PDB file of N, CA and C in Angstrom:
ATOM      1  N   UNK A   1     -21.924   5.808  34.249  1.00  0.00           N
ATOM      2  CA  UNK A   1     -21.453   5.841  35.605  1.00  0.00           C
ATOM      3  C   UNK A   1     -20.242   6.764  35.640  1.00  0.00           C
ATOM      4  N   UNK A   2     -20.126   7.541  36.684  1.00  0.00           N
ATOM      5  CA  UNK A   2     -19.041   8.476  36.867  1.00  0.00           C
ATOM      6  C   UNK A   2     -18.435   8.224  38.244  1.00  0.00           C
ATOM      7  N   UNK A   3     -17.112   8.058  38.302  1.00  0.00           N
ATOM      8  CA  UNK A   3     -16.447   7.800  39.573  1.00  0.00           C
ATOM      9  C   UNK A   3     -15.510   8.951  39.883  1.00  0.00           C
ATOM     10  N   UNK A   4     -15.608   9.452  41.091  1.00  0.00           N
ATOM     11  CA  UNK A   4     -14.780  10.571  41.544  1.00  0.00           C
ATOM     12  C   UNK A   4     -13.983  10.095  42.746  1.00  0.00           C
ATOM     13  N   UNK A   5     -12.668  10.192  42.628  1.00  0.00           N
ATOM     14  CA  UNK A   5     -11.793   9.803  43.738  1.00  0.00           C
ATOM     15  C   UNK A   5     -10.833  10.941  44.040  1.00  0.00           C
ATOM     16  N   UNK A   6     -10.510  11.091  45.287  1.00  0.00           N
ATOM     17  CA  UNK A   6      -9.582  12.134  45.702  1.00  0.00           C
ATOM     18  C   UNK A   6      -9.667  12.343  47.197  1.00  0.00           C
ATOM     19  N   UNK A   7      -9.361  13.556  47.610  1.00  0.00           N
ATOM     20  CA  UNK A   7      -9.435  13.884  49.032  1.00  0.00           C
ATOM     21  C   UNK A   7     -10.049  15.264  49.197  1.00  0.00           C
ATOM     22  N   UNK A   8     -10.671  15.442  50.340  1.00  0.00           N
ATOM     23  CA  UNK A   8     -11.132  16.748  50.791  1.00  0.00           C
ATOM     24  C   UNK A   8     -10.398  16.983  52.095  1.00  0.00           C
ATOM     25  N   UNK A   9      -9.409  17.847  52.025  1.00  0.00           N
ATOM     26  CA  UNK A   9      -8.542  17.999  53.185  1.00  0.00           C
ATOM     27  C   UNK A   9      -7.812  16.692  53.407  1.00  0.00           C
ATOM     28  N   UNK A  10      -7.974  16.108  54.587  1.00  0.00           N
ATOM     29  CA  UNK A  10      -7.343  14.832  54.893  1.00  0.00           C
ATOM     30  C   UNK A  10      -8.281  13.639  54.676  1.00  0.00           C
ATOM     31  N   UNK A  11      -9.539  13.908  54.317  1.00  0.00           N
ATOM     32  CA  UNK A  11     -10.515  12.831  54.169  1.00  0.00           C
ATOM     33  C   UNK A  11     -10.507  12.262  52.760  1.00  0.00           C
ATOM     34  N   UNK A  12     -10.406  10.945  52.641  1.00  0.00           N
ATOM     35  CA  UNK A  12     -10.472  10.332  51.315  1.00  0.00           C
ATOM     36  C   UNK A  12     -11.905  10.353  50.788  1.00  0.00           C
ATOM     37  N   UNK A  13     -12.044  10.520  49.482  1.00  0.00           N
ATOM     38  CA  UNK A  13     -13.350  10.546  48.832  1.00  0.00           C
ATOM     39  C   UNK A  13     -13.345   9.524  47.703  1.00  0.00           C
ATOM     40  N   UNK A  14     -14.362   8.661  47.677  1.00  0.00           N
ATOM     41  CA  UNK A  14     -14.565   7.716  46.591  1.00  0.00           C
ATOM     42  C   UNK A  14     -16.062   7.701  46.322  1.00  0.00           C
ATOM     43  N   UNK A  15     -16.484   8.405  45.263  1.00  0.00           N
ATOM     44  CA  UNK A  15     -17.899   8.623  44.988  1.00  0.00           C
ATOM     45  C   UNK A  15     -18.238   8.067  43.608  1.00  0.00           C
ATOM     46  N   UNK A  16     -19.307   7.308  43.524  1.00  0.00           N
ATOM     47  CA  UNK A  16     -19.779   6.788  42.248  1.00  0.00           C
ATOM     48  C   UNK A  16     -21.173   7.336  41.991  1.00  0.00           C
ATOM     49  N   UNK A  17     -21.369   7.948  40.809  1.00  0.00           N
ATOM     50  CA  UNK A  17     -22.658   8.498  40.413  1.00  0.00           C
ATOM     51  C   UNK A  17     -23.186   7.712  39.229  1.00  0.00           C
ATOM     52  N   UNK A  18     -24.431   7.312  39.298  1.00  0.00           N
ATOM     53  CA  UNK A  18     -25.068   6.643  38.177  1.00  0.00           C
ATOM     54  C   UNK A  18     -26.071   7.608  37.563  1.00  0.00           C
ATOM     55  N   UNK A  19     -25.877   7.925  36.277  1.00  0.00           N
ATOM     56  CA  UNK A  19     -26.725   8.869  35.581  1.00  0.00           C
ATOM     57  C   UNK A  19     -27.359   8.183  34.380  1.00  0.00           C
ATOM     58  N   UNK A  20     -28.662   8.467  34.140  1.00  0.00           N
ATOM     59  CA  UNK A  20     -29.295   7.932  32.935  1.00  0.00           C
ATOM     60  C   UNK A  20     -29.062   8.911  31.785  1.00  0.00           C
ATOM     61  N   UNK A  21     -29.554   8.603  30.602  1.00  0.00           N
ATOM     62  CA  UNK A  21     -29.300   9.439  29.425  1.00  0.00           C
ATOM     63  C   UNK A  21     -29.825  10.862  29.610  1.00  0.00           C
ATOM     64  N   UNK A  22     -30.971  10.994  30.231  1.00  0.00           N
ATOM     65  CA  UNK A  22     -31.538  12.326  30.470  1.00  0.00           C
ATOM     66  C   UNK A  22     -30.671  13.151  31.396  1.00  0.00           C
ATOM     67  N   UNK A  23     -30.137  12.509  32.441  1.00  0.00           N
ATOM     68  CA  UNK A  23     -29.248  13.217  33.364  1.00  0.00           C
ATOM     69  C   UNK A  23     -27.985  13.688  32.652  1.00  0.00           C
ATOM     70  N   UNK A  24     -27.409  12.812  31.791  1.00  0.00           N
ATOM     71  CA  UNK A  24     -26.201  13.189  31.050  1.00  0.00           C
ATOM     72  C   UNK A  24     -26.504  14.360  30.117  1.00  0.00           C
ATOM     73  N   UNK A  25     -27.677  14.336  29.469  1.00  0.00           N
ATOM     74  CA  UNK A  25     -28.045  15.409  28.556  1.00  0.00           C
ATOM     75  C   UNK A  25     -28.186  16.735  29.299  1.00  0.00           C
ATOM     76  N   UNK A  26     -28.838  16.693  30.463  1.00  0.00           N
ATOM     77  CA  UNK A  26     -28.991  17.914  31.245  1.00  0.00           C
ATOM     78  C   UNK A  26     -27.642  18.425  31.743  1.00  0.00           C
ATOM     79  N   UNK A  27     -26.785  17.511  32.176  1.00  0.00           N
ATOM     80  CA  UNK A  27     -25.458  17.895  32.631  1.00  0.00           C
ATOM     81  C   UNK A  27     -24.663  18.514  31.485  1.00  0.00           C
ATOM     82  N   UNK A  28     -24.735  17.884  30.310  1.00  0.00           N
ATOM     83  CA  UNK A  28     -24.038  18.422  29.145  1.00  0.00           C
ATOM     84  C   UNK A  28     -24.553  19.793  28.758  1.00  0.00           C
ATOM     85  N   UNK A  29     -25.868  19.983  28.812  1.00  0.00           N
ATOM     86  CA  UNK A  29     -26.455  21.281  28.492  1.00  0.00           C
ATOM     87  C   UNK A  29     -26.006  22.339  29.489  1.00  0.00           C
ATOM     88  N   UNK A  30     -25.985  21.977  30.756  1.00  0.00           N
ATOM     89  CA  UNK A  30     -25.574  22.911  31.803  1.00  0.00           C
ATOM     90  C   UNK A  30     -24.103  23.283  31.641  1.00  0.00           C
ATOM     91  N   UNK A  31     -23.267  22.290  31.424  1.00  0.00           N
ATOM     92  CA  UNK A  31     -21.842  22.555  31.240  1.00  0.00           C
ATOM     93  C   UNK A  31     -21.587  23.338  29.970  1.00  0.00           C
ATOM     94  N   UNK A  32     -22.347  23.046  28.916  1.00  0.00           N
ATOM     95  CA  UNK A  32     -22.184  23.767  27.659  1.00  0.00           C
ATOM     96  C   UNK A  32     -22.488  25.240  27.812  1.00  0.00           C
ATOM     97  N   UNK A  33     -23.550  25.573  28.555  1.00  0.00           N
ATOM     98  CA  UNK A  33     -23.884  26.988  28.739  1.00  0.00           C
ATOM     99  C   UNK A  33     -22.846  27.686  29.610  1.00  0.00           C
ATOM    100  N   UNK A  34     -22.288  26.989  30.588  1.00  0.00           N
ATOM    101  CA  UNK A  34     -21.239  27.592  31.422  1.00  0.00           C
ATOM    102  C   UNK A  34     -19.966  27.789  30.627  1.00  0.00           C
ATOM    103  N   UNK A  35     -19.637  26.840  29.750  1.00  0.00           N
ATOM    104  CA  UNK A  35     -18.444  26.970  28.924  1.00  0.00           C
ATOM    105  C   UNK A  35     -18.593  28.107  27.930  1.00  0.00           C
ATOM    106  N   UNK A  36     -19.793  28.279  27.363  1.00  0.00           N
ATOM    107  CA  UNK A  36     -20.023  29.370  26.421  1.00  0.00           C
ATOM    108  C   UNK A  36     -19.810  30.713  27.107  1.00  0.00           C
ATOM    109  N   UNK A  37     -20.225  30.825  28.367  1.00  0.00           N
ATOM    110  CA  UNK A  37     -20.096  32.084  29.100  1.00  0.00           C
ATOM    111  C   UNK A  37     -18.644  32.407  29.412  1.00  0.00           C
ATOM    112  N   UNK A  38     -17.793  31.389  29.557  1.00  0.00           N
ATOM    113  CA  UNK A  38     -16.400  31.636  29.931  1.00  0.00           C
ATOM    114  C   UNK A  38     -15.433  31.535  28.766  1.00  0.00           C
ATOM    115  N   UNK A  39     -15.924  31.210  27.563  1.00  0.00           N
ATOM    116  CA  UNK A  39     -15.056  31.029  26.406  1.00  0.00           C
ATOM    117  C   UNK A  39     -14.538  32.381  25.923  1.00  0.00           C
ATOM    118  N   UNK A  40     -13.213  32.530  25.735  1.00  0.00           N
ATOM    119  CA  UNK A  40     -12.680  33.793  25.225  1.00  0.00           C
ATOM    120  C   UNK A  40     -13.093  34.007  23.770  1.00  0.00           C
ATOM    121  N   UNK A  41     -13.188  35.275  23.360  1.00  0.00           N
ATOM    122  CA  UNK A  41     -13.566  35.603  21.990  1.00  0.00           C
ATOM    123  C   UNK A  41     -12.544  35.026  21.024  1.00  0.00           C
ATOM    124  N   UNK A  42     -13.029  34.470  19.925  1.00  0.00           N
ATOM    125  CA  UNK A  42     -12.135  33.913  18.915  1.00  0.00           C
ATOM    126  C   UNK A  42     -11.628  32.524  19.226  1.00  0.00           C
ATOM    127  N   UNK A  43     -12.082  31.925  20.315  1.00  0.00           N
ATOM    128  CA  UNK A  43     -11.617  30.586  20.675  1.00  0.00           C
ATOM    129  C   UNK A  43     -12.201  29.573  19.701  1.00  0.00           C
ATOM    130  N   UNK A  44     -11.447  28.562  19.391  1.00  0.00           N
ATOM    131  CA  UNK A  44     -11.907  27.492  18.508  1.00  0.00           C
ATOM    132  C   UNK A  44     -12.734  26.523  19.336  1.00  0.00           C
ATOM    133  N   UNK A  45     -13.976  26.248  18.912  1.00  0.00           N
ATOM    134  CA  UNK A  45     -14.810  25.345  19.702  1.00  0.00           C
ATOM    135  C   UNK A  45     -14.242  23.929  19.688  1.00  0.00           C
ATOM    136  N   UNK A  46     -14.301  23.283  20.835  1.00  0.00           N
ATOM    137  CA  UNK A  46     -13.863  21.895  20.935  1.00  0.00           C
ATOM    138  C   UNK A  46     -14.908  21.014  20.272  1.00  0.00           C
ATOM    139  N   UNK A  47     -14.486  19.948  19.646  1.00  0.00           N
ATOM    140  CA  UNK A  47     -15.453  19.065  19.010  1.00  0.00           C
ATOM    141  C   UNK A  47     -16.162  18.259  20.086  1.00  0.00           C
ATOM    142  N   UNK A  48     -17.452  18.477  20.174  1.00  0.00           N
ATOM    143  CA  UNK A  48     -18.270  17.796  21.173  1.00  0.00           C
ATOM    144  C   UNK A  48     -19.101  16.742  20.466  1.00  0.00           C
ATOM    145  N   UNK A  49     -19.308  15.584  21.086  1.00  0.00           N
ATOM    146  CA  UNK A  49     -20.091  14.545  20.436  1.00  0.00           C
ATOM    147  C   UNK A  49     -21.557  14.947  20.262  1.00  0.00           C
ATOM    148  N   UNK A  50     -22.081  15.767  21.165  1.00  0.00           N
ATOM    149  CA  UNK A  50     -23.473  16.189  21.098  1.00  0.00           C
ATOM    150  C   UNK A  50     -23.538  17.681  21.410  1.00  0.00           C
ATOM    151  N   UNK A  51     -24.208  18.443  20.524  1.00  0.00           N
ATOM    152  CA  UNK A  51     -24.350  19.869  20.774  1.00  0.00           C
ATOM    153  C   UNK A  51     -25.363  20.097  21.893  1.00  0.00           C
ATOM    154  N   UNK A  52     -25.340  21.303  22.431  1.00  0.00           N
ATOM    155  CA  UNK A  52     -26.274  21.639  23.502  1.00  0.00           C
ATOM    156  C   UNK A  52     -27.711  21.540  22.992  1.00  0.00           C
ATOM    157  N   UNK A  53     -27.967  22.014  21.762  1.00  0.00           N
ATOM    158  CA  UNK A  53     -29.313  21.929  21.205  1.00  0.00           C
ATOM    159  C   UNK A  53     -29.770  20.482  21.064  1.00  0.00           C
ATOM    160  N   UNK A  54     -28.857  19.618  20.605  1.00  0.00           N
ATOM    161  CA  UNK A  54     -29.205  18.201  20.458  1.00  0.00           C
ATOM    162  C   UNK A  54     -29.485  17.565  21.818  1.00  0.00           C
ATOM    163  N   UNK A  55     -28.712  17.936  22.830  1.00  0.00           N
ATOM    164  CA  UNK A  55     -28.917  17.377  24.165  1.00  0.00           C
ATOM    165  C   UNK A  55     -30.288  17.791  24.708  1.00  0.00           C
ATOM    166  N   UNK A  56     -30.644  19.045  24.548  1.00  0.00           N
ATOM    167  CA  UNK A  56     -31.943  19.526  25.026  1.00  0.00           C
ATOM    168  C   UNK A  56     -33.071  18.887  24.228  1.00  0.00           C
ATOM    169  N   UNK A  57     -32.879  18.725  22.919  1.00  0.00           N
ATOM    170  CA  UNK A  57     -33.875  18.063  22.081  1.00  0.00           C
ATOM    171  C   UNK A  57     -34.103  16.634  22.557  1.00  0.00           C
ATOM    172  N   UNK A  58     -33.022  15.939  22.878  1.00  0.00           N
ATOM    173  CA  UNK A  58     -33.143  14.559  23.352  1.00  0.00           C
ATOM    174  C   UNK A  58     -33.897  14.503  24.684  1.00  0.00           C
ATOM    175  N   UNK A  59     -33.613  15.440  25.586  1.00  0.00           N
ATOM    176  CA  UNK A  59     -34.305  15.482  26.876  1.00  0.00           C
ATOM    177  C   UNK A  59     -35.790  15.777  26.657  1.00  0.00           C
ATOM    178  N   UNK A  60     -36.100  16.674  25.720  1.00  0.00           N
ATOM    179  CA  UNK A  60     -37.507  16.998  25.433  1.00  0.00           C
ATOM    180  C   UNK A  60     -38.242  15.768  24.913  1.00  0.00           C
ATOM    181  N   UNK A  61     -37.615  15.026  24.001  1.00  0.00           N
ATOM    182  CA  UNK A  61     -38.242  13.807  23.487  1.00  0.00           C
ATOM    183  C   UNK A  61     -38.411  12.777  24.601  1.00  0.00           C
ATOM    184  N   UNK A  62     -37.400  12.628  25.445  1.00  0.00           N
ATOM    185  CA  UNK A  62     -37.484  11.675  26.553  1.00  0.00           C
ATOM    186  C   UNK A  62     -38.607  12.049  27.521  1.00  0.00           C
ATOM    187  N   UNK A  63     -38.782  13.337  27.744  1.00  0.00           N
ATOM    188  CA  UNK A  63     -39.843  13.817  28.630  1.00  0.00           C
ATOM    189  C   UNK A  63     -41.209  13.350  28.130  1.00  0.00           C
ATOM    190  N   UNK A  64     -41.486  13.552  26.851  1.00  0.00           N
ATOM    191  CA  UNK A  64     -42.778  13.141  26.296  1.00  0.00           C
ATOM    192  C   UNK A  64     -42.876  11.619  26.202  1.00  0.00           C
ATOM    193  N   UNK A  65     -41.777  10.975  25.839  1.00  0.00           N
ATOM    194  CA  UNK A  65     -41.792   9.511  25.724  1.00  0.00           C
ATOM    195  C   UNK A  65     -42.138   8.875  27.063  1.00  0.00           C
ATOM    196  N   UNK A  66     -41.523   9.356  28.139  1.00  0.00           N
ATOM    197  CA  UNK A  66     -41.784   8.788  29.471  1.00  0.00           C
ATOM    198  C   UNK A  66     -43.208   9.085  29.940  1.00  0.00           C
ATOM    199  N   UNK A  67     -43.712  10.266  29.606  1.00  0.00           N
ATOM    200  CA  UNK A  67     -45.077  10.629  30.003  1.00  0.00           C
ATOM    201  C   UNK A  67     -46.104   9.881  29.156  1.00  0.00           C
ATOM    202  N   UNK A  68     -45.767   9.598  27.912  1.00  0.00           N
ATOM    203  CA  UNK A  68     -46.716   8.937  27.017  1.00  0.00           C
ATOM    204  C   UNK A  68     -47.620   9.928  26.322  1.00  0.00           C
ATOM    205  N   UNK A  69     -48.271  10.788  27.099  1.00  0.00           N
ATOM    206  CA  UNK A  69     -49.169  11.800  26.550  1.00  0.00           C
ATOM    207  C   UNK A  69     -49.217  12.999  27.480  1.00  0.00           C
ATOM    208  N   UNK A  70     -49.201  14.191  26.895  1.00  0.00           N
ATOM    209  CA  UNK A  70     -49.294  15.428  27.684  1.00  0.00           C
ATOM    210  C   UNK A  70     -50.106  16.456  26.910  1.00  0.00           C
ATOM    211  N   UNK A  71     -50.796  17.322  27.644  1.00  0.00           N
ATOM    212  CA  UNK A  71     -51.504  18.425  26.993  1.00  0.00           C
ATOM    213  C   UNK A  71     -50.466  19.464  26.564  1.00  0.00           C
ATOM    214  N   UNK A  72     -50.814  20.239  25.559  1.00  0.00           N
ATOM    215  CA  UNK A  72     -49.908  21.272  25.059  1.00  0.00           C
ATOM    216  C   UNK A  72     -49.429  22.228  26.145  1.00  0.00           C
ATOM    217  N   UNK A  73     -50.335  22.786  26.972  1.00  0.00           N
ATOM    218  CA  UNK A  73     -49.890  23.716  28.010  1.00  0.00           C
ATOM    219  C   UNK A  73     -48.972  23.062  29.057  1.00  0.00           C
ATOM    220  N   UNK A  74     -49.270  21.818  29.425  1.00  0.00           N
ATOM    221  CA  UNK A  74     -48.415  21.129  30.400  1.00  0.00           C
ATOM    222  C   UNK A  74     -47.036  20.851  29.809  1.00  0.00           C
ATOM    223  N   UNK A  75     -47.020  20.414  28.550  1.00  0.00           N
ATOM    224  CA  UNK A  75     -45.754  20.130  27.887  1.00  0.00           C
ATOM    225  C   UNK A  75     -44.945  21.413  27.723  1.00  0.00           C
ATOM    226  N   UNK A  76     -45.594  22.502  27.325  1.00  0.00           N
ATOM    227  CA  UNK A  76     -44.897  23.779  27.179  1.00  0.00           C
ATOM    228  C   UNK A  76     -44.297  24.221  28.508  1.00  0.00           C
ATOM    229  N   UNK A  77     -45.046  24.056  29.579  1.00  0.00           N
ATOM    230  CA  UNK A  77     -44.546  24.415  30.907  1.00  0.00           C
ATOM    231  C   UNK A  77     -43.276  23.635  31.250  1.00  0.00           C
ATOM    232  N   UNK A  78     -43.282  22.336  30.967  1.00  0.00           N
ATOM    233  CA  UNK A  78     -42.104  21.500  31.226  1.00  0.00           C
ATOM    234  C   UNK A  78     -40.926  21.927  30.350  1.00  0.00           C
ATOM    235  N   UNK A  79     -41.193  22.240  29.087  1.00  0.00           N
ATOM    236  CA  UNK A  79     -40.131  22.640  28.172  1.00  0.00           C
ATOM    237  C   UNK A  79     -39.547  23.999  28.549  1.00  0.00           C
ATOM    238  N   UNK A  80     -40.396  24.905  29.027  1.00  0.00           N
ATOM    239  CA  UNK A  80     -39.914  26.201  29.504  1.00  0.00           C
ATOM    240  C   UNK A  80     -38.998  26.015  30.711  1.00  0.00           C
ATOM    241  N   UNK A  81     -39.379  25.112  31.614  1.00  0.00           N
ATOM    242  CA  UNK A  81     -38.546  24.833  32.783  1.00  0.00           C
ATOM    243  C   UNK A  81     -37.217  24.211  32.357  1.00  0.00           C
ATOM    244  N   UNK A  82     -37.258  23.363  31.353  1.00  0.00           N
ATOM    245  CA  UNK A  82     -36.048  22.708  30.863  1.00  0.00           C
ATOM    246  C   UNK A  82     -35.082  23.715  30.248  1.00  0.00           C
ATOM    247  N   UNK A  83     -35.607  24.621  29.443  1.00  0.00           N
ATOM    248  CA  UNK A  83     -34.751  25.558  28.711  1.00  0.00           C
ATOM    249  C   UNK A  83     -34.518  26.869  29.449  1.00  0.00           C
ATOM    250  N   UNK A  84     -35.408  27.203  30.367  1.00  0.00           N
ATOM    251  CA  UNK A  84     -35.288  28.480  31.068  1.00  0.00           C
ATOM    252  C   UNK A  84     -35.800  29.647  30.247  1.00  0.00           C
ATOM    253  N   UNK A  85     -36.517  29.361  29.156  1.00  0.00           N
ATOM    254  CA  UNK A  85     -36.976  30.415  28.266  1.00  0.00           C
ATOM    255  C   UNK A  85     -38.308  30.016  27.630  1.00  0.00           C
ATOM    256  N   UNK A  86     -39.249  30.960  27.573  1.00  0.00           N
ATOM    257  CA  UNK A  86     -40.527  30.690  26.927  1.00  0.00           C
ATOM    258  C   UNK A  86     -40.331  30.474  25.433  1.00  0.00           C
ATOM    259  N   UNK A  87     -39.516  31.307  24.804  1.00  0.00           N
ATOM    260  CA  UNK A  87     -39.280  31.195  23.360  1.00  0.00           C
ATOM    261  C   UNK A  87     -38.636  29.852  23.011  1.00  0.00           C
ATOM    262  N   UNK A  88     -37.640  29.443  23.769  1.00  0.00           N
ATOM    263  CA  UNK A  88     -36.972  28.164  23.506  1.00  0.00           C
ATOM    264  C   UNK A  88     -37.927  27.004  23.749  1.00  0.00           C
ATOM    265  N   UNK A  89     -38.780  27.112  24.768  1.00  0.00           N
ATOM    266  CA  UNK A  89     -39.780  26.084  25.039  1.00  0.00           C
ATOM    267  C   UNK A  89     -40.758  25.957  23.884  1.00  0.00           C
ATOM    268  N   UNK A  90     -41.184  27.096  23.320  1.00  0.00           N
ATOM    269  CA  UNK A  90     -42.116  27.072  22.187  1.00  0.00           C
ATOM    270  C   UNK A  90     -41.457  26.469  20.954  1.00  0.00           C
ATOM    271  N   UNK A  91     -40.168  26.765  20.739  1.00  0.00           N
ATOM    272  CA  UNK A  91     -39.458  26.171  19.592  1.00  0.00           C
ATOM    273  C   UNK A  91     -39.415  24.649  19.717  1.00  0.00           C
ATOM    274  N   UNK A  92     -39.156  24.155  20.933  1.00  0.00           N
ATOM    275  CA  UNK A  92     -39.145  22.704  21.142  1.00  0.00           C
ATOM    276  C   UNK A  92     -40.531  22.106  20.931  1.00  0.00           C
ATOM    277  N   UNK A  93     -41.562  22.824  21.371  1.00  0.00           N
ATOM    278  CA  UNK A  93     -42.937  22.350  21.200  1.00  0.00           C
ATOM    279  C   UNK A  93     -43.273  22.208  19.712  1.00  0.00           C
ATOM    280  N   UNK A  94     -42.885  23.192  18.900  1.00  0.00           N
ATOM    281  CA  UNK A  94     -43.108  23.130  17.457  1.00  0.00           C
ATOM    282  C   UNK A  94     -42.307  21.981  16.848  1.00  0.00           C
ATOM    283  N   UNK A  95     -41.080  21.817  17.306  1.00  0.00           N
ATOM    284  CA  UNK A  95     -40.248  20.728  16.794  1.00  0.00           C
ATOM    285  C   UNK A  95     -40.868  19.364  17.134  1.00  0.00           C
ATOM    286  N   UNK A  96     -41.414  19.234  18.341  1.00  0.00           N
ATOM    287  CA  UNK A  96     -42.103  17.994  18.717  1.00  0.00           C
ATOM    288  C   UNK A  96     -43.339  17.777  17.852  1.00  0.00           C
ATOM    289  N   UNK A  97     -44.073  18.848  17.599  1.00  0.00           N
ATOM    290  CA  UNK A  97     -45.299  18.755  16.786  1.00  0.00           C
ATOM    291  C   UNK A  97     -44.995  18.161  15.409  1.00  0.00           C
ATOM    292  N   UNK A  98     -43.835  18.487  14.855  1.00  0.00           N
ATOM    293  CA  UNK A  98     -43.467  18.034  13.517  1.00  0.00           C
ATOM    294  C   UNK A  98     -42.613  16.764  13.518  1.00  0.00           C
ATOM    295  N   UNK A  99     -42.358  16.200  14.689  1.00  0.00           N
ATOM    296  CA  UNK A  99     -41.560  14.982  14.787  1.00  0.00           C
ATOM    297  C   UNK A  99     -42.384  13.766  14.374  1.00  0.00           C
ATOM    298  N   UNK A 100     -41.736  12.831  13.692  1.00  0.00           N
ATOM    299  CA  UNK A 100     -42.413  11.602  13.287  1.00  0.00           C
ATOM    300  C   UNK A 100     -42.763  10.728  14.494  1.00  0.00           C
ATOM    301  N   UNK A 101     -42.120  10.955  15.635  1.00  0.00           N
ATOM    302  CA  UNK A 101     -42.362  10.160  16.839  1.00  0.00           C
ATOM    303  C   UNK A 101     -43.532  10.677  17.667  1.00  0.00           C
ATOM    304  N   UNK A 102     -44.116  11.795  17.248  1.00  0.00           N
ATOM    305  CA  UNK A 102     -45.154  12.445  18.056  1.00  0.00           C
ATOM    306  C   UNK A 102     -46.433  12.597  17.239  1.00  0.00           C
ATOM    307  N   UNK A 103     -47.555  12.310  17.890  1.00  0.00           N
ATOM    308  CA  UNK A 103     -48.867  12.515  17.283  1.00  0.00           C
ATOM    309  C   UNK A 103     -49.569  13.610  18.078  1.00  0.00           C
ATOM    310  N   UNK A 104     -50.129  14.582  17.385  1.00  0.00           N
ATOM    311  CA  UNK A 104     -50.839  15.675  18.037  1.00  0.00           C
ATOM    312  C   UNK A 104     -52.297  15.620  17.588  1.00  0.00           C
ATOM    313  N   UNK A 105     -53.189  15.582  18.568  1.00  0.00           N
ATOM    314  CA  UNK A 105     -54.629  15.603  18.285  1.00  0.00           C
ATOM    315  C   UNK A 105     -55.259  16.747  19.068  1.00  0.00           C
ATOM    316  N   UNK A 106     -56.370  17.241  18.535  1.00  0.00           N
ATOM    317  CA  UNK A 106     -57.079  18.320  19.216  1.00  0.00           C
ATOM    318  C   UNK A 106     -57.841  17.749  20.401  1.00  0.00           C
ATOM    319  N   UNK A 107     -57.565  18.280  21.581  1.00  0.00           N
ATOM    320  CA  UNK A 107     -58.301  17.898  22.779  1.00  0.00           C
ATOM    321  C   UNK A 107     -59.450  18.853  22.991  1.00  0.00           C
ATOM    322  N   UNK A 108     -60.200  18.655  24.048  1.00  0.00           N
ATOM    323  CA  UNK A 108     -61.336  19.530  24.350  1.00  0.00           C
ATOM    324  C   UNK A 108     -60.885  20.967  24.579  1.00  0.00           C
ATOM    325  N   UNK A 109     -59.805  21.151  25.340  1.00  0.00           N
ATOM    326  CA  UNK A 109     -59.339  22.501  25.671  1.00  0.00           C
ATOM    327  C   UNK A 109     -57.988  22.833  25.057  1.00  0.00           C
ATOM    328  N   UNK A 110     -57.195  21.818  24.744  1.00  0.00           N
ATOM    329  CA  UNK A 110     -55.832  22.055  24.250  1.00  0.00           C
ATOM    330  C   UNK A 110     -55.380  20.831  23.448  1.00  0.00           C
ATOM    331  N   UNK A 111     -54.384  21.024  22.592  1.00  0.00           N
ATOM    332  CA  UNK A 111     -53.864  19.865  21.858  1.00  0.00           C
ATOM    333  C   UNK A 111     -53.233  18.864  22.792  1.00  0.00           C
ATOM    334  N   UNK A 112     -53.307  17.583  22.414  1.00  0.00           N
ATOM    335  CA  UNK A 112     -52.687  16.500  23.192  1.00  0.00           C
ATOM    336  C   UNK A 112     -51.525  15.941  22.375  1.00  0.00           C
ATOM    337  N   UNK A 113     -50.352  15.922  22.996  1.00  0.00           N
ATOM    338  CA  UNK A 113     -49.140  15.401  22.368  1.00  0.00           C
ATOM    339  C   UNK A 113     -48.928  13.973  22.891  1.00  0.00           C
ATOM    340  N   UNK A 114     -48.793  13.016  21.957  1.00  0.00           N
ATOM    341  CA  UNK A 114     -48.616  11.615  22.328  1.00  0.00           C
ATOM    342  C   UNK A 114     -47.358  11.070  21.666  1.00  0.00           C
ATOM    343  N   UNK A 115     -46.622  10.259  22.404  1.00  0.00           N
ATOM    344  CA  UNK A 115     -45.440   9.590  21.863  1.00  0.00           C
ATOM    345  C   UNK A 115     -45.924   8.334  21.159  1.00  0.00           C
ATOM    346  N   UNK A 116     -45.524   8.128  19.908  1.00  0.00           N
ATOM    347  CA  UNK A 116     -46.041   7.005  19.133  1.00  0.00           C
ATOM    348  C   UNK A 116     -45.008   5.943  18.824  1.00  0.00           C
ATOM    349  N   UNK A 117     -43.740   6.197  19.004  1.00  0.00           N
ATOM    350  CA  UNK A 117     -42.709   5.199  18.648  1.00  0.00           C
ATOM    351  C   UNK A 117     -42.418   4.282  19.798  1.00  0.00           C
TER     352      UNK A 117
END
């Protein structure tokens, strides 16, 4: 839960946001990429509890876990949308393929990725 209090002009603001783990991971990934773009050269990185790659990996696992089962092309499409890159989406797909939590079987037209844990 995140609470924001303050004012906008003369109006008081008291806002509470409830975010699940996936939302926090996406927010962290988004903020991490913005911070990387504005970080001066030679700056010492702040110690973050979760790296951007780990946050995206967690969101990718959550995506398949919530779906239960997805075809390879559908999963790749979702991963590309998550990362904004075809190459990064394919890397996540390969990482999922080799994860102990995922079972991949050959489907009629495409592989089927299933969450097993």
